[in-house]
Amino acid sequence: MNGLMLQKRLLISSLIVHADRHHGDTEIVSRRVEGDIHRYTFRDCHRRSRQMANALTRLGVKASDRIGTLAWNGYRHMELYYGISGMGAVMHTINPRLHVDQIAYIIDHAEDQYLFFDLTFLPLVKAIAGRCKTVKAFIAMTDLAHMPRDTDIVNLLCYEDLLERSSAAYEWPNFDEDTACTLCYTSGTTGNPKGVLYSHRSALLHTYAAALPDALNCSACDVILPVVPMFHVNAWGIPYIACMVGAKLVFPGPGLDGGSLYELIESERVTFSAGVPTVWQGLLTHLEQAGLKFSTMKRTVIGGAACPSTMLRKFQDEYGVEVLHAWGMTELSPLGTVGAMKARHLAMNPEERCAVQSKQGRAVFGVDMKIVGADGKELPWDGLTSGELMVRGPWVVRNYFRNEGGNPLRIDAETHGWFPTGDVATIDADGFMQITDRSKDVIKSGGEWISSIEIENIAVAHPAIASAACIAAKHRKWDERPLLLAVKRPEAQVTAEQLLAFFEGKIAKWWTPDAVVFVDAVPLGATGKVLKNQLRDAFQDYLLRS
């Protein structure tokens, strides 16, 4: 017997319709590439999104066509989020920090029909335009007054001109909620990036879960500054969450330095933000150097890479900003876990609470997870036993776009499959998961595992160290041993011996790195993660040579 409830499909367009109807006068504020601050409302955004859907229809865009974007966080990008997906086409956000060859590859692989771009990325578009086989036109996200001149890009169109010539009279179509809505490619540190194709249903379910109190805890009382880029897994879902709950949005555009972010946070009275540790390090440095404090900022979500405990403590103890540690992947839309405290944690002392918060958190509703050993059997949730982290859920990838790499799932007799994340983790009795390493980064010394992440976190807690990366270097006796590559803070003085002595009592003695090499910088990938594959290539024989 079926229930007797109305059927309403879960579609992206329903979010902007809801925001217009119930939060129409709520502001969206953007720092534009043109240099000024732009303000309008959800109602304006909905109107212009409908205009964009009409403009795309006039250009011949059909259902399921892929439309690419190379753009910062801003109101025009927001309009594309809804205009493209709402009409039934597929929004393909492209990470401009990828190598130019990878960008050309994924545009070709996705068969993008049109490519929208912010003026910042004009040189990049010039470099790839001749290589894009399927792109019919390139659309500069600006007005006629700021259009680039004397460019050899064929079929260059103007965003605002397209909108001006398009009516806002558009009825969002009703279609199957399993229809594709957005396409994101993995960062591709090894091999070509792979495409993850989200559906309207998966995106809406992810939005519901991400907004929950024990997840990102968003409401109409919030002013949200998404520092995480809209080209990085849909800005962790924030452009959708804000419409669902009616929160004011503040988009930073290209201004991601500490000073620019602080100015927006204070002037727009931001209460909540989200980003990766490298960006927050720049903001904290600016605050420290200028002697500044926050007046409205209450919490931030830190993900994309492990949040150092020193950063967590500084945000909370010195600036009164609660830190929510989170973990996810492009393949998870991206949210998997959030470090929201349980009631019993509130009575803990600050050190104990910090230890819990330093973990990546517990699964949000909709995501199931487990850790398994080499034999594939599930391991205990004791907070000590490490195993490969596996996940499943309605917003977890089933196959990559065009079936690249084959079926990624591990199928067992009892389920429809688990996605192997490539992370090594522990899970404690409260369900809090902690990443101990990537499976490809874990150091196997004499048959035992050493966590490179834990070594890195201790290293960056030293006052003289700005950043660090720990890799496996070849060793004659132990096969692999940890080698620490460290970047000193400006004007800081520390020797290798002093840094190694800093590890005493903090980890098992045999985990201590065999050597320290001071470097000017560690290479970062398109999403701000350290490219350890490059470091391993450069230093894999270091201990053998020394």
Protein backbone atom coordinates (compact mmCIF):
# COMPACT_ATOMS: atom_id res chain seq x y z
CA MET A 1 0.00 0.00 0.00
CA ASN A 2 1.39 3.40 -1.03
CA GLY A 3 1.01 6.54 1.02
CA LEU A 4 -1.49 9.19 -0.04
CA MET A 5 0.80 12.22 -0.19
CA LEU A 6 1.25 14.81 -2.90
CA GLN A 7 4.20 14.22 -5.21
CA LYS A 8 6.59 17.14 -5.68
CA ARG A 9 9.87 16.52 -7.41
CA LEU A 10 13.08 17.68 -5.76
CA LEU A 11 14.46 20.22 -8.25
CA ILE A 12 17.11 22.93 -7.96
CA SER A 13 14.66 25.57 -9.23
CA SER A 14 12.46 25.02 -6.15
CA LEU A 15 15.19 26.56 -3.97
CA ILE A 16 15.31 29.92 -5.74
CA VAL A 17 11.50 29.97 -6.02
CA HIS A 18 11.30 29.44 -2.24
CA ALA A 19 13.93 32.13 -1.57
CA ASP A 20 12.04 34.63 -3.73
CA ARG A 21 8.65 33.85 -2.19
CA HIS A 22 9.67 33.71 1.47
CA HIS A 23 12.94 35.69 1.67
CA GLY A 24 12.66 37.92 -1.37
CA ASP A 25 14.17 41.04 0.22
CA THR A 26 17.19 39.22 1.74
CA GLU A 27 20.44 40.59 0.34
CA ILE A 28 23.13 39.01 -1.81
CA VAL A 29 26.29 41.13 -1.63
CA SER A 30 29.21 40.58 -4.03
CA ARG A 31 32.66 42.02 -4.45
CA ARG A 32 32.86 42.18 -8.23
CA VAL A 33 35.84 41.58 -10.50
CA GLU A 34 35.22 45.13 -11.75
CA GLY A 35 36.24 46.35 -8.28
CA ASP A 36 33.02 47.59 -6.70
CA ILE A 37 30.47 46.10 -4.29
CA HIS A 38 27.21 44.91 -5.84
CA ARG A 39 23.96 44.49 -3.89
CA TYR A 40 20.65 42.98 -4.76
CA THR A 41 18.12 40.49 -3.36
CA PHE A 42 16.99 36.91 -3.77
CA ARG A 43 14.02 38.26 -5.73
CA ASP A 44 16.40 39.99 -8.15
CA CYS A 45 18.48 36.83 -8.41
CA HIS A 46 15.41 34.78 -9.29
CA ARG A 47 14.33 37.26 -11.95
CA ARG A 48 17.76 37.35 -13.59
CA SER A 49 18.09 33.54 -13.36
CA ARG A 50 14.88 33.26 -15.38
CA GLN A 51 16.28 35.74 -17.88
CA MET A 52 19.40 33.60 -18.15
CA ALA A 53 17.30 30.49 -18.79
CA ASN A 54 15.57 32.35 -21.63
CA ALA A 55 18.94 33.56 -22.96
CA LEU A 56 20.30 30.01 -22.99
CA THR A 57 17.16 28.77 -24.74
CA ARG A 58 17.67 31.40 -27.45
CA LEU A 59 21.27 30.18 -27.83
CA GLY A 60 19.94 26.70 -28.54
CA VAL A 61 20.80 25.06 -25.20
CA LYS A 62 18.79 21.90 -24.65
CA ALA A 63 18.14 19.63 -21.67
CA SER A 64 21.30 17.84 -20.45
CA ASP A 65 23.67 20.12 -22.43
CA ARG A 66 26.73 20.94 -20.36
CA ILE A 67 27.51 24.63 -19.77
CA GLY A 68 30.93 25.50 -18.35
CA THR A 69 31.87 28.28 -15.94
CA LEU A 70 35.25 29.76 -14.97
CA ALA A 71 34.18 32.20 -12.29
CA TRP A 72 34.68 33.46 -8.75
CA ASN A 73 32.03 33.57 -6.03
CA GLY A 74 29.61 36.28 -7.11
CA TYR A 75 26.01 37.07 -7.99
CA ARG A 76 26.38 36.29 -11.70
CA HIS A 77 27.77 32.86 -10.89
CA MET A 78 24.82 32.37 -8.53
CA GLU A 79 22.41 33.19 -11.37
CA LEU A 80 24.05 30.54 -13.52
CA TYR A 81 23.69 27.99 -10.72
CA TYR A 82 19.93 28.36 -11.02
CA GLY A 83 19.46 29.41 -14.63
CA ILE A 84 21.42 26.48 -16.08
CA SER A 85 20.27 23.69 -13.77
CA GLY A 86 16.74 25.06 -13.48
CA MET A 87 16.15 24.77 -17.22
CA GLY A 88 17.36 21.14 -17.23
CA ALA A 89 20.88 21.72 -18.53
CA VAL A 90 24.02 20.76 -16.58
CA MET A 91 26.12 23.35 -14.77
CA HIS A 92 29.81 22.43 -15.15
CA THR A 93 31.94 24.44 -12.72
CA ILE A 94 35.61 24.42 -13.72
CA ASN A 95 38.46 24.92 -11.29
CA PRO A 96 40.73 27.62 -12.82
CA ARG A 97 43.60 26.49 -10.56
CA LEU A 98 43.99 23.26 -12.52
CA HIS A 99 46.75 23.05 -15.09
CA VAL A 100 45.74 24.56 -18.42
CA ASP A 101 46.01 21.15 -20.12
CA GLN A 102 43.64 19.64 -17.56
CA ILE A 103 41.17 22.49 -18.03
CA ALA A 104 41.18 21.97 -21.79
CA TYR A 105 40.77 18.23 -21.21
CA ILE A 106 37.73 18.47 -18.95
CA ILE A 107 35.96 21.04 -21.17
CA ASP A 108 36.43 18.64 -24.08
CA HIS A 109 35.51 15.59 -21.96
CA ALA A 110 32.33 17.28 -20.70
CA GLU A 111 31.50 18.51 -24.23
CA ASP A 112 30.62 21.97 -22.89
CA GLN A 113 28.43 23.90 -25.34
CA TYR A 114 29.14 27.36 -23.91
CA LEU A 115 31.73 28.70 -21.49
CA PHE A 116 31.01 31.59 -19.10
CA PHE A 117 34.04 33.32 -17.56
CA ASP A 118 34.98 36.16 -15.23
CA LEU A 119 37.33 38.76 -16.72
CA THR A 120 40.11 37.59 -14.38
CA PHE A 121 40.32 34.43 -16.45
CA LEU A 122 40.51 36.07 -19.87
CA PRO A 123 44.18 35.02 -20.35
CA LEU A 124 43.22 31.45 -19.49
CA VAL A 125 40.32 31.49 -21.95
CA LYS A 126 42.63 32.84 -24.65
CA ALA A 127 45.02 29.96 -23.99
CA ILE A 128 42.36 27.25 -24.32
CA ALA A 129 39.86 28.74 -26.78
CA GLY A 130 41.40 27.10 -29.83
CA ARG A 131 41.45 23.70 -28.11
CA CYS A 132 37.76 23.60 -27.11
CA LYS A 133 36.13 21.46 -29.80
CA THR A 134 32.51 21.70 -28.63
CA VAL A 135 32.26 25.26 -27.25
CA LYS A 136 30.06 27.38 -29.52
CA ALA A 137 30.70 30.71 -27.78
CA PHE A 138 32.54 32.23 -24.82
CA ILE A 139 30.52 34.55 -22.59
CA ALA A 140 32.32 37.25 -20.55
CA MET A 141 30.53 37.74 -17.23
CA THR A 142 30.43 41.54 -17.36
CA ASP A 143 28.62 44.44 -19.04
CA LEU A 144 29.29 46.03 -22.43
CA ALA A 145 31.37 48.83 -20.87
CA HIS A 146 33.89 46.32 -19.47
CA MET A 147 33.99 43.89 -22.41
CA PRO A 148 37.54 42.96 -23.48
CA ARG A 149 38.72 44.63 -26.68
CA ASP A 150 41.04 43.47 -29.44
CA THR A 151 40.78 39.82 -28.51
CA ASP A 152 41.07 37.01 -31.03
CA ILE A 153 38.50 34.84 -29.23
CA VAL A 154 35.92 33.77 -31.79
CA ASN A 155 32.25 34.14 -30.79
CA LEU A 156 32.77 36.27 -27.68
CA LEU A 157 29.46 37.31 -26.08
CA CYS A 158 28.53 39.68 -23.22
CA TYR A 159 26.66 38.35 -20.16
CA GLU A 160 24.68 41.51 -19.39
CA ASP A 161 23.82 42.01 -23.05
CA LEU A 162 22.38 38.49 -23.18
CA LEU A 163 20.25 39.21 -20.10
CA GLU A 164 19.07 42.60 -21.32
CA ARG A 165 17.71 41.01 -24.49
CA SER A 166 15.93 38.22 -22.56
CA SER A 167 12.56 38.26 -20.85
CA ALA A 168 12.06 37.28 -17.20
CA ALA A 169 8.84 35.50 -18.19
CA TYR A 170 9.98 31.91 -17.77
CA GLU A 171 8.26 28.93 -16.18
CA TRP A 172 10.71 26.48 -14.62
CA PRO A 173 10.16 23.08 -16.26
CA ASN A 174 9.12 20.03 -14.25
CA PHE A 175 11.21 16.92 -14.97
CA ASP A 176 12.58 13.76 -13.35
CA GLU A 177 14.44 14.60 -10.13
CA ASP A 178 17.17 12.11 -11.09
CA THR A 179 18.09 14.40 -14.01
CA ALA A 180 21.68 15.65 -13.87
CA CYS A 181 22.07 19.19 -12.54
CA THR A 182 25.78 19.87 -12.00
CA LEU A 183 29.11 18.37 -13.00
CA CYS A 184 32.33 18.70 -10.98
CA TYR A 185 35.68 17.14 -11.76
CA THR A 186 38.13 15.81 -9.19
CA SER A 187 41.33 17.79 -8.72
CA GLY A 188 43.34 15.20 -10.66
CA THR A 189 46.61 15.10 -8.71
CA THR A 190 47.42 11.86 -10.54
CA GLY A 191 46.06 11.22 -14.03
CA ASN A 192 43.22 13.12 -15.64
CA PRO A 193 40.42 14.49 -13.44
CA LYS A 194 37.23 12.42 -13.31
CA GLY A 195 33.73 13.88 -13.54
CA VAL A 196 31.14 13.53 -10.78
CA LEU A 197 27.61 14.12 -12.08
CA TYR A 198 25.11 15.20 -9.42
CA SER A 199 21.34 14.90 -9.77
CA HIS A 200 18.66 17.34 -8.66
CA ARG A 201 17.54 14.79 -6.07
CA SER A 202 21.03 14.24 -4.65
CA ALA A 203 21.70 17.99 -4.49
CA LEU A 204 18.41 18.72 -2.67
CA LEU A 205 18.90 15.90 -0.15
CA HIS A 206 22.46 17.11 0.47
CA THR A 207 21.13 20.63 1.02
CA TYR A 208 18.59 19.45 3.60
CA ALA A 209 21.23 17.52 5.53
CA ALA A 210 23.95 20.17 5.32
CA ALA A 211 21.69 22.88 6.79
CA LEU A 212 20.75 20.79 9.86
CA PRO A 213 21.71 22.04 13.36
CA ASP A 214 24.23 19.21 13.82
CA ALA A 215 25.75 19.96 10.40
CA LEU A 216 26.39 23.56 9.22
CA ASN A 217 23.52 24.88 11.38
CA CYS A 218 22.32 27.59 8.97
CA SER A 219 19.24 29.79 9.38
CA ALA A 220 17.61 32.99 8.17
CA CYS A 221 19.44 34.80 10.99
CA ASP A 222 22.84 34.04 9.41
CA VAL A 223 25.01 36.16 7.16
CA ILE A 224 27.14 33.64 5.26
CA LEU A 225 30.46 34.33 3.56
CA PRO A 226 31.40 31.30 1.41
CA VAL A 227 35.16 31.56 0.96
CA VAL A 228 35.23 28.03 -0.45
CA PRO A 229 34.97 28.63 -4.22
CA MET A 230 31.79 28.02 -6.16
CA PHE A 231 33.99 26.04 -8.57
CA HIS A 232 34.93 23.65 -5.75
CA VAL A 233 32.09 21.11 -5.21
CA ASN A 234 29.34 23.76 -5.44
CA ALA A 235 30.90 25.81 -2.63
CA TRP A 236 30.06 22.92 -0.29
CA GLY A 237 26.38 23.47 -1.10
CA ILE A 238 26.17 26.97 0.44
CA PRO A 239 24.51 28.66 -2.60
CA TYR A 240 21.71 26.09 -2.22
CA ILE A 241 21.58 26.18 1.59
CA ALA A 242 21.25 29.98 1.69
CA CYS A 243 18.16 29.84 -0.55
CA MET A 244 16.63 27.03 1.50
CA VAL A 245 16.96 28.84 4.84
CA GLY A 246 16.91 32.48 3.64
CA ALA A 247 20.37 33.51 4.89
CA LYS A 248 22.06 36.64 3.57
CA LEU A 249 24.95 35.79 1.24
CA VAL A 250 28.22 37.70 0.97
CA PHE A 251 30.40 36.73 -2.00
CA PRO A 252 34.13 37.67 -1.83
CA GLY A 253 34.87 37.53 -5.56
CA PRO A 254 38.62 37.38 -6.22
CA GLY A 255 39.48 39.12 -2.92
CA LEU A 256 40.60 36.15 -0.81
CA ASP A 257 43.48 37.82 1.03
CA GLY A 258 43.16 38.35 4.78
CA GLY A 259 42.53 42.10 4.56
CA SER A 260 39.80 41.84 1.93
CA LEU A 261 38.02 39.05 3.78
CA TYR A 262 38.14 40.89 7.11
CA GLU A 263 36.74 44.04 5.52
CA LEU A 264 33.73 42.13 4.16
CA ILE A 265 33.21 40.19 7.38
CA GLU A 266 32.99 43.40 9.40
CA SER A 267 31.15 45.66 6.95
CA GLU A 268 28.46 43.06 6.15
CA ARG A 269 28.26 41.66 9.72
CA VAL A 270 29.08 38.11 8.67
CA THR A 271 28.18 35.45 11.26
CA PHE A 272 29.34 32.29 9.49
CA SER A 273 31.95 31.35 6.91
CA ALA A 274 33.49 28.29 5.30
CA GLY A 275 36.86 27.61 3.71
CA VAL A 276 40.11 25.66 3.62
CA PRO A 277 42.95 26.07 6.16
CA THR A 278 45.30 27.92 3.79
CA VAL A 279 42.81 30.79 3.39
CA TRP A 280 42.14 31.01 7.13
CA GLN A 281 45.86 31.16 7.83
CA GLY A 282 46.03 34.35 5.77
CA LEU A 283 43.07 35.84 7.65
CA LEU A 284 44.51 34.96 11.07
CA THR A 285 47.87 36.45 10.12
CA HIS A 286 46.14 39.69 9.09
CA LEU A 287 44.22 39.84 12.39
CA GLU A 288 47.36 39.21 14.41
CA GLN A 289 49.50 41.76 12.60
CA ALA A 290 46.83 44.49 12.70
CA GLY A 291 45.61 43.75 16.23
CA LEU A 292 42.02 43.21 15.08
CA LYS A 293 39.02 41.29 16.44
CA PHE A 294 35.69 40.08 15.01
CA SER A 295 32.50 41.86 16.01
CA THR A 296 29.86 39.46 14.54
CA MET A 297 31.64 36.32 13.34
CA LYS A 298 30.46 33.35 15.42
CA ARG A 299 31.56 30.18 13.63
CA THR A 300 33.42 28.79 10.65
CA VAL A 301 33.56 25.46 8.90
CA ILE A 302 37.07 24.30 7.99
CA GLY A 303 37.47 21.48 5.50
CA GLY A 304 39.34 20.45 2.37
CA ALA A 305 42.37 19.54 4.49
CA ALA A 306 43.00 18.79 8.15
CA CYS A 307 42.61 21.84 10.41
CA PRO A 308 45.73 22.22 12.60
CA SER A 309 44.89 22.27 16.32
CA THR A 310 46.77 25.57 16.65
CA MET A 311 44.39 27.19 14.14
CA LEU A 312 41.37 25.73 15.92
CA ARG A 313 42.53 27.07 19.29
CA LYS A 314 43.40 30.49 17.91
CA PHE A 315 39.98 30.95 16.31
CA GLN A 316 38.17 29.87 19.47
CA ASP A 317 40.38 31.12 22.31
CA GLU A 318 41.59 34.41 20.86
CA TYR A 319 38.74 35.43 18.52
CA GLY A 320 35.64 33.70 19.92
CA VAL A 321 34.84 31.88 16.67
CA GLU A 322 33.58 28.31 16.97
CA VAL A 323 35.33 25.93 14.57
CA LEU A 324 33.40 23.10 12.92
CA HIS A 325 35.83 20.61 11.42
CA ALA A 326 34.30 18.88 8.39
CA TRP A 327 35.25 16.25 5.85
CA GLY A 328 33.96 15.46 2.41
CA MET A 329 34.92 14.76 -1.18
CA THR A 330 33.85 15.76 -4.67
CA GLU A 331 32.40 12.25 -4.83
CA LEU A 332 30.20 13.04 -1.78
CA SER A 333 28.65 16.29 -3.06
CA PRO A 334 30.80 16.97 -0.78
CA LEU A 335 29.63 16.72 2.85
CA GLY A 336 30.30 13.50 4.77
CA THR A 337 31.01 14.44 8.39
CA VAL A 338 30.87 17.53 10.62
CA GLY A 339 32.44 17.90 14.07
CA ALA A 340 29.33 19.09 15.91
CA MET A 341 29.60 18.27 19.62
CA LYS A 342 27.29 15.89 21.46
CA ALA A 343 25.81 16.89 24.82
CA ARG A 344 28.39 14.96 26.85
CA HIS A 345 31.27 16.80 25.17
CA LEU A 346 30.07 20.15 26.53
CA ALA A 347 31.23 19.21 30.04
CA MET A 348 34.76 18.42 28.89
CA ASN A 349 37.71 20.65 29.70
CA PRO A 350 39.13 22.74 26.83
CA GLU A 351 41.94 20.28 26.03
CA GLU A 352 39.56 17.33 25.82
CA ARG A 353 37.09 19.23 23.66
CA CYS A 354 39.87 20.38 21.34
CA ALA A 355 40.93 16.76 20.88
CA VAL A 356 37.38 15.86 19.80
CA GLN A 357 37.04 18.93 17.56
CA SER A 358 40.32 18.07 15.84
CA LYS A 359 38.66 14.97 14.44
CA GLN A 360 36.78 15.29 11.17
CA GLY A 361 33.45 14.72 12.94
CA ARG A 362 30.47 12.39 12.79
CA ALA A 363 28.38 11.41 9.80
CA VAL A 364 25.49 13.66 8.82
CA PHE A 365 22.16 11.93 8.28
CA GLY A 366 22.20 10.32 4.83
CA VAL A 367 25.82 9.21 4.96
CA ASP A 368 26.77 5.80 6.31
CA MET A 369 30.42 4.95 6.89
CA LYS A 370 32.69 2.18 8.09
CA ILE A 371 36.38 1.32 8.24
CA VAL A 372 37.69 -1.96 6.89
CA GLY A 373 40.93 -3.91 7.07
CA ALA A 374 42.96 -5.44 4.26
CA ASP A 375 40.56 -8.41 4.23
CA GLY A 376 37.55 -6.12 3.67
CA LYS A 377 36.02 -6.88 7.06
CA GLU A 378 34.65 -4.04 9.19
CA LEU A 379 36.91 -2.85 12.02
CA PRO A 380 35.81 -1.73 15.51
CA TRP A 381 34.83 1.84 16.40
CA ASP A 382 37.34 2.21 19.22
CA GLY A 383 39.12 5.41 18.14
CA LEU A 384 42.38 3.47 17.85
CA THR A 385 42.05 0.95 15.03
CA SER A 386 42.82 2.39 11.58
CA GLY A 387 41.29 1.13 8.37
CA GLU A 388 40.18 2.17 4.91
CA LEU A 389 37.21 4.53 5.11
CA MET A 390 34.15 3.49 3.09
CA VAL A 391 30.92 5.48 2.61
CA ARG A 392 27.52 5.15 1.00
CA GLY A 393 24.45 7.34 0.68
CA PRO A 394 22.06 9.13 -1.71
CA TRP A 395 24.59 11.84 -2.59
CA VAL A 396 27.61 9.52 -2.95
CA VAL A 397 28.91 8.84 -6.46
CA ARG A 398 27.86 5.56 -8.13
CA ASN A 399 29.92 5.91 -11.33
CA TYR A 400 32.17 8.58 -12.75
CA PHE A 401 31.02 10.55 -15.80
CA ARG A 402 31.43 8.48 -18.97
CA ASN A 403 32.40 5.56 -16.70
CA GLU A 404 36.01 6.73 -16.45
CA GLY A 405 38.02 4.26 -14.39
CA GLY A 406 35.20 1.71 -14.26
CA ASN A 407 32.82 1.17 -11.35
CA PRO A 408 34.48 2.62 -8.22
CA LEU A 409 32.17 0.85 -5.73
CA ARG A 410 33.04 -2.14 -3.57
CA ILE A 411 30.08 -4.50 -3.81
CA ASP A 412 29.29 -6.96 -1.03
CA ALA A 413 26.55 -9.54 -0.57
CA GLU A 414 24.45 -7.38 1.76
CA THR A 415 24.46 -3.95 0.11
CA HIS A 416 24.40 -2.16 -3.22
CA GLY A 417 27.96 -1.03 -2.66
CA TRP A 418 30.33 1.16 -0.70
CA PHE A 419 32.54 3.91 -2.10
CA PRO A 420 36.22 3.55 -1.10
CA THR A 421 37.35 7.06 -0.18
CA GLY A 422 41.09 6.41 -0.32
CA ASP A 423 41.37 7.74 3.25
CA VAL A 424 42.71 5.83 6.23
CA ALA A 425 40.74 6.65 9.38
CA THR A 426 39.66 5.73 12.89
CA ILE A 427 36.10 5.98 14.26
CA ASP A 428 35.50 6.32 18.00
CA ALA A 429 32.61 5.03 20.11
CA ASP A 430 30.70 8.32 19.61
CA GLY A 431 30.98 7.95 15.83
CA PHE A 432 33.62 10.67 15.42
CA MET A 433 35.84 9.89 12.45
CA GLN A 434 39.46 10.99 12.23
CA ILE A 435 41.49 10.86 9.04
CA THR A 436 44.93 9.50 9.86
CA ASP A 437 46.17 9.64 6.27
CA ARG A 438 45.41 9.15 2.64
CA SER A 439 46.01 5.50 1.74
CA LYS A 440 48.62 6.63 -0.78
CA ASP A 441 50.33 8.92 1.78
CA VAL A 442 50.50 6.63 4.82
CA ILE A 443 54.08 5.75 5.77
CA LYS A 444 54.72 1.99 6.11
CA SER A 445 57.74 1.59 8.34
CA GLY A 446 58.81 -1.96 9.15
CA GLY A 447 55.28 -3.20 8.51
CA GLU A 448 53.70 -0.59 10.83
CA TRP A 449 51.76 2.50 9.75
CA ILE A 450 52.77 6.06 10.60
CA SER A 451 50.31 8.95 10.13
CA SER A 452 51.84 11.76 8.10
CA ILE A 453 48.95 14.06 9.09
CA GLU A 454 49.65 13.77 12.81
CA ILE A 455 53.33 14.57 12.24
CA GLU A 456 52.39 17.61 10.14
CA ASN A 457 49.96 18.90 12.78
CA ILE A 458 52.67 18.76 15.45
CA ALA A 459 55.17 20.49 13.17
CA VAL A 460 52.92 23.45 12.37
CA ALA A 461 52.20 23.86 16.09
CA HIS A 462 55.82 24.99 16.45
CA PRO A 463 55.88 28.81 16.51
CA ALA A 464 58.61 28.97 13.87
CA ILE A 465 56.86 26.78 11.28
CA ALA A 466 54.38 28.15 8.73
CA SER A 467 53.55 24.91 6.93
CA ALA A 468 54.84 21.36 6.67
CA ALA A 469 54.49 18.13 4.73
CA CYS A 470 55.57 14.67 5.83
CA ILE A 471 56.32 12.03 3.20
CA ALA A 472 57.66 8.52 3.06
CA ALA A 473 61.32 8.33 2.05
CA LYS A 474 63.05 5.07 1.19
CA HIS A 475 65.07 3.45 3.99
CA ARG A 476 67.51 0.51 3.78
CA LYS A 477 66.29 -1.20 6.97
CA TRP A 478 62.69 -0.10 7.49
CA ASP A 479 61.62 0.21 3.84
CA GLU A 480 60.08 3.66 4.51
CA ARG A 481 60.66 6.31 7.13
CA PRO A 482 59.05 9.75 7.66
CA LEU A 483 60.83 12.75 6.17
CA LEU A 484 59.56 16.19 7.26
CA LEU A 485 59.62 19.10 4.81
CA ALA A 486 59.02 22.37 6.65
CA VAL A 487 58.54 26.03 5.72
CA LYS A 488 59.75 28.57 8.28
CA ARG A 489 57.77 31.66 9.17
CA PRO A 490 59.38 34.94 8.03
CA GLU A 491 62.29 35.93 10.28
CA ALA A 492 61.88 32.74 12.34
CA GLN A 493 64.92 30.74 13.42
CA VAL A 494 64.81 27.03 14.18
CA THR A 495 67.19 24.16 13.50
CA ALA A 496 66.28 20.65 12.40
CA GLU A 497 67.40 19.32 15.79
CA GLN A 498 65.20 21.83 17.65
CA LEU A 499 62.18 20.95 15.52
CA LEU A 500 62.66 17.21 16.03
CA ALA A 501 63.01 17.78 19.79
CA PHE A 502 59.57 19.44 19.67
CA PHE A 503 58.05 16.02 18.90
CA GLU A 504 59.24 14.46 22.18
CA GLY A 505 56.34 13.20 24.28
CA LYS A 506 53.76 14.07 21.60
CA ILE A 507 53.96 10.87 19.52
CA ALA A 508 55.51 7.41 19.76
CA LYS A 509 59.27 7.81 19.55
CA TRP A 510 59.54 5.60 16.48
CA TRP A 511 57.11 7.91 14.64
CA THR A 512 59.57 10.83 14.91
CA PRO A 513 60.85 11.86 11.45
CA ASP A 514 64.32 10.69 10.54
CA ALA A 515 65.21 14.09 9.10
CA VAL A 516 63.96 17.61 8.47
CA VAL A 517 64.47 19.52 5.23
CA PHE A 518 63.62 23.23 5.26
CA VAL A 519 62.07 24.38 1.97
CA ASP A 520 60.84 27.73 0.66
CA ALA A 521 57.32 26.39 -0.02
CA VAL A 522 55.34 23.18 -0.41
CA PRO A 523 53.49 22.69 -3.72
CA LEU A 524 49.71 23.08 -3.51
CA GLY A 525 47.10 21.64 -5.83
CA ALA A 526 43.98 23.21 -7.28
CA THR A 527 41.99 22.82 -4.06
CA GLY A 528 44.75 23.93 -1.66
CA LYS A 529 45.98 20.44 -0.78
CA VAL A 530 49.69 19.64 -0.63
CA LEU A 531 50.89 17.79 -3.74
CA LYS A 532 52.75 15.03 -1.95
CA ASN A 533 53.26 13.10 -5.17
CA GLN A 534 55.60 15.88 -6.34
CA LEU A 535 57.44 15.86 -3.02
CA ARG A 536 57.79 12.08 -3.09
CA ASP A 537 59.24 12.23 -6.60
CA ALA A 538 61.79 14.83 -5.48
CA PHE A 539 62.74 13.37 -2.09
CA GLN A 540 61.98 9.63 -2.21
CA ASP A 541 65.70 8.69 -2.12
CA TYR A 542 66.74 11.42 0.35
CA LEU A 543 67.38 9.08 3.30
CA LEU A 544 69.24 6.61 1.09
CA ARG A 545 71.55 9.37 -0.08
CA SER A 546 72.15 10.86 3.37
